[in-house]
C-alpha cells in the first residue's frame, strides 16, 4: 500500500475572469488601503500611503477588516469602492492570509476598482499563484522584504522601498493581460 501526497496548490492558472482596471494617473486620486489585520500590515500600508502622498498627491483612506482568515464584509468592500479611486490590499502572506487577501482584491476589482496587493519576499511566489488560480492573475502585486510581522512597527513602515512604491503605481496605472508568474 503506497502513500499519495497531494499538494493543495495548483500551478494551473484559471482563465482570466477578474478584470484589471486602471487609473490614468494617481495624482489627486483618493486611494484606499485595506489591511487584513496581519501584524504590521497597517504599517506597510501607511508606508505606501505616505510615499504616494509625497510623490503623487493622493488622498489616503485607511480601512481594516476584522480577520485575515476570512473575506472582507461586502459592506466594507462597497465602502472602499464608493469612497476610493483605487486600492491597495495587505498582506498576502502565509496560507489563509494570501487566499483571503486575494479574494478581497478580486472582489474590489470585480466592482471596477484598480487594485494592488502587498506581500513579502518569502510569500511572493504564493502571492502570485493564489490570484492566478482565482482567475485574477492580471492584478498587481508589490513586494517588501520579509519579515513584516514580528518586527517593530517603525521597521515595517520602513520596509516600503521606492521599488515597492513603483510596483504599486505600475499595478494601478498600467494595463496588462496577466502578470508573469
Protein backbone atom coordinates (compact mmCIF):
# COMPACT_ATOMS: atom_id res chain seq x y z
CA UNK A 1 0.00 0.00 0.00
CA UNK A 2 1.52 3.31 -1.07
CA UNK A 3 1.13 6.83 0.18
CA UNK A 4 -0.16 9.56 -2.11
CA UNK A 5 0.83 13.11 -1.33
CA UNK A 6 -1.41 15.77 -2.77
CA UNK A 7 -0.43 19.42 -2.99
CA UNK A 8 -3.20 21.84 -2.01
CA UNK A 9 -1.85 24.35 -4.52
CA UNK A 10 -2.09 24.42 -8.26
CA UNK A 11 0.31 25.53 -10.88
CA UNK A 12 -2.58 25.85 -13.27
CA UNK A 13 -3.95 29.33 -13.70
CA UNK A 14 -7.66 29.76 -14.18
CA UNK A 15 -8.87 31.64 -17.22
CA UNK A 16 -8.79 35.36 -16.55
CA UNK A 17 -12.18 36.26 -15.18
CA UNK A 18 -11.32 39.17 -12.87
CA UNK A 19 -10.83 42.38 -14.83
CA UNK A 20 -7.83 44.64 -14.24
CA UNK A 21 -8.98 48.23 -14.02
CA UNK A 22 -6.50 51.10 -14.04
CA UNK A 23 -6.42 54.83 -13.46
CA UNK A 24 -4.68 57.18 -15.88
CA UNK A 25 -2.56 58.71 -13.11
CA UNK A 26 -2.54 58.69 -9.32
CA UNK A 27 -2.21 62.45 -8.85
CA UNK A 28 -5.22 63.75 -6.94
CA UNK A 29 -6.84 60.30 -6.58
CA UNK A 30 -8.38 59.04 -3.36
CA UNK A 31 -6.79 55.70 -2.53
CA UNK A 32 -8.00 53.04 -0.12
CA UNK A 33 -5.56 50.99 1.92
CA UNK A 34 -7.18 47.79 3.20
CA UNK A 35 -5.37 45.92 5.97
CA UNK A 36 -6.26 42.31 6.59
CA UNK A 37 -5.14 42.59 10.21
CA UNK A 38 -1.87 40.69 9.90
CA UNK A 39 0.79 42.09 12.23
CA UNK A 40 2.21 45.32 10.76
CA UNK A 41 0.13 45.14 7.57
CA UNK A 42 -1.24 48.55 8.54
CA UNK A 43 2.31 49.92 8.89
CA UNK A 44 3.28 48.69 5.41
CA UNK A 45 0.14 50.33 4.03
CA UNK A 46 0.92 53.55 5.91
CA UNK A 47 4.40 53.48 4.35
CA UNK A 48 2.95 53.13 0.85
CA UNK A 49 0.35 55.82 1.54
CA UNK A 50 2.98 58.27 2.85
CA UNK A 51 5.12 57.76 -0.26
CA UNK A 52 2.15 58.19 -2.60
CA UNK A 53 1.01 61.34 -0.78
CA UNK A 54 4.51 62.78 -1.19
CA UNK A 55 5.07 61.66 -4.80
CA UNK A 56 1.57 61.82 -6.29
CA UNK A 57 -0.58 63.95 -4.01
CA UNK A 58 -3.09 61.18 -3.31
CA UNK A 59 -5.66 61.34 -0.53
CA UNK A 60 -5.33 58.16 1.57
CA UNK A 61 -8.16 56.36 3.34
CA UNK A 62 -7.23 53.53 5.70
CA UNK A 63 -9.52 50.53 6.21
CA UNK A 64 -9.18 47.31 8.19
CA UNK A 65 -11.09 44.08 8.09
CA UNK A 66 -11.81 42.04 11.19
CA UNK A 67 -9.79 38.90 10.43
CA UNK A 68 -7.17 37.87 7.90
CA UNK A 69 -8.64 34.36 7.74
CA UNK A 70 -11.99 35.48 6.34
CA UNK A 71 -13.20 37.62 3.45
CA UNK A 72 -13.85 41.31 3.92
CA UNK A 73 -17.51 42.08 4.53
CA UNK A 74 -19.45 43.25 1.48
CA UNK A 75 -20.29 46.46 3.33
CA UNK A 76 -16.56 47.22 3.76
CA UNK A 77 -15.76 46.41 0.13
CA UNK A 78 -18.69 48.56 -1.02
CA UNK A 79 -17.46 51.43 1.14
CA UNK A 80 -13.92 51.20 -0.27
CA UNK A 81 -15.34 51.11 -3.79
CA UNK A 82 -17.62 54.10 -3.22
CA UNK A 83 -15.04 56.25 -1.42
CA UNK A 84 -11.89 55.48 -3.44
CA UNK A 85 -10.49 55.60 -6.95
CA UNK A 86 -8.03 52.71 -6.36
CA UNK A 87 -6.98 50.39 -3.52
CA UNK A 88 -4.00 48.57 -2.05
CA UNK A 89 -4.59 45.39 -0.01
CA UNK A 90 -2.12 43.97 2.55
CA UNK A 91 -0.81 41.46 3.43
CA UNK A 92 -0.80 38.48 1.10
CA UNK A 93 1.23 36.22 3.33
CA UNK A 94 1.01 32.69 4.56
CA UNK A 95 -1.89 30.41 3.64
CA UNK A 96 -5.26 31.87 4.55
CA UNK A 97 -3.89 35.43 4.61
CA UNK A 98 -2.86 35.19 0.97
CA UNK A 99 -6.01 33.39 -0.05
CA UNK A 100 -8.44 35.81 1.57
CA UNK A 101 -6.45 38.92 0.62
CA UNK A 102 -6.51 37.68 -2.98
CA UNK A 103 -10.27 37.16 -2.66
CA UNK A 104 -10.62 40.73 -1.34
CA UNK A 105 -8.55 42.03 -4.26
CA UNK A 106 -10.70 40.11 -6.74
CA UNK A 107 -13.89 41.40 -5.09
CA UNK A 108 -12.69 45.01 -5.34
CA UNK A 109 -11.54 44.52 -8.94
CA UNK A 110 -14.89 42.92 -9.76
CA UNK A 111 -16.50 46.15 -8.54
CA UNK A 112 -14.37 48.04 -11.09
CA UNK A 113 -11.69 49.34 -8.71
CA UNK A 114 -8.00 49.33 -9.68
CA UNK A 115 -6.27 47.23 -7.00
CA UNK A 116 -2.80 46.10 -5.98
CA UNK A 117 -1.74 43.62 -3.30
CA UNK A 118 1.24 43.77 -0.95
CA UNK A 119 3.32 40.76 0.09
CA UNK A 120 6.75 39.99 1.48
CA UNK A 121 9.63 38.29 -0.32
CA UNK A 122 9.09 34.93 1.38
CA UNK A 123 5.50 34.74 0.11
CA UNK A 124 5.94 36.33 -3.32
CA UNK A 125 5.52 33.12 -5.34
CA UNK A 126 2.43 32.07 -3.35
CA UNK A 127 1.02 35.59 -3.61
CA UNK A 128 1.26 35.47 -7.40
CA UNK A 129 -0.08 31.94 -7.66
CA UNK A 130 -3.19 32.38 -5.49
CA UNK A 131 -4.73 35.24 -7.52
CA UNK A 132 -3.87 33.42 -10.77
CA UNK A 133 -5.69 30.29 -9.59
CA UNK A 134 -8.70 32.52 -8.82
CA UNK A 135 -8.66 34.00 -12.36
CA UNK A 136 -7.15 37.25 -11.05
CA UNK A 137 -3.60 36.85 -12.37
CA UNK A 138 -3.69 40.27 -14.01
CA UNK A 139 -3.97 42.07 -10.68
CA UNK A 140 -0.79 43.75 -9.48
CA UNK A 141 1.47 42.91 -6.58
CA UNK A 142 4.18 44.85 -4.75
CA UNK A 143 6.80 43.17 -2.58
CA UNK A 144 8.58 44.26 0.60
CA UNK A 145 11.37 42.49 2.49
CA UNK A 146 10.40 39.64 4.78
CA UNK A 147 9.54 39.53 7.65
CA UNK A 148 6.79 42.05 8.19
CA UNK A 149 5.23 40.57 11.31
CA UNK A 150 7.21 40.23 14.49
CA UNK A 151 9.33 43.33 13.93
CA UNK A 152 8.97 46.84 15.34
CA UNK A 153 6.24 48.91 13.68
CA UNK A 154 8.71 51.55 12.50
CA UNK A 155 10.80 48.88 10.77
CA UNK A 156 7.71 47.53 8.99
CA UNK A 157 6.87 51.06 7.82
CA UNK A 158 10.43 51.44 6.51
CA UNK A 159 10.29 48.16 4.54
CA UNK A 160 8.39 50.09 1.87
CA UNK A 161 11.10 50.85 -0.68
CA UNK A 162 10.93 53.09 -3.74
CA UNK A 163 10.78 49.92 -5.86
CA UNK A 164 7.73 48.67 -3.95
CA UNK A 165 6.05 52.05 -4.43
CA UNK A 166 6.88 51.94 -8.15
CA UNK A 167 5.29 48.48 -8.33
CA UNK A 168 2.10 49.83 -6.73
CA UNK A 169 2.00 52.71 -9.22
CA UNK A 170 2.60 50.29 -12.13
CA UNK A 171 -0.13 47.94 -10.91
CA UNK A 172 -2.69 50.71 -10.64
CA UNK A 173 -1.87 52.64 -13.82
CA UNK A 174 -0.67 50.11 -16.41
CA UNK A 175 -2.95 47.89 -18.45
CA UNK A 176 -1.69 44.34 -18.95
CA UNK A 177 -3.35 40.99 -19.52
CA UNK A 178 -1.53 38.98 -16.87
CA UNK A 179 1.46 39.14 -14.56
CA UNK A 180 4.11 36.58 -15.35
CA UNK A 181 4.22 34.02 -12.52
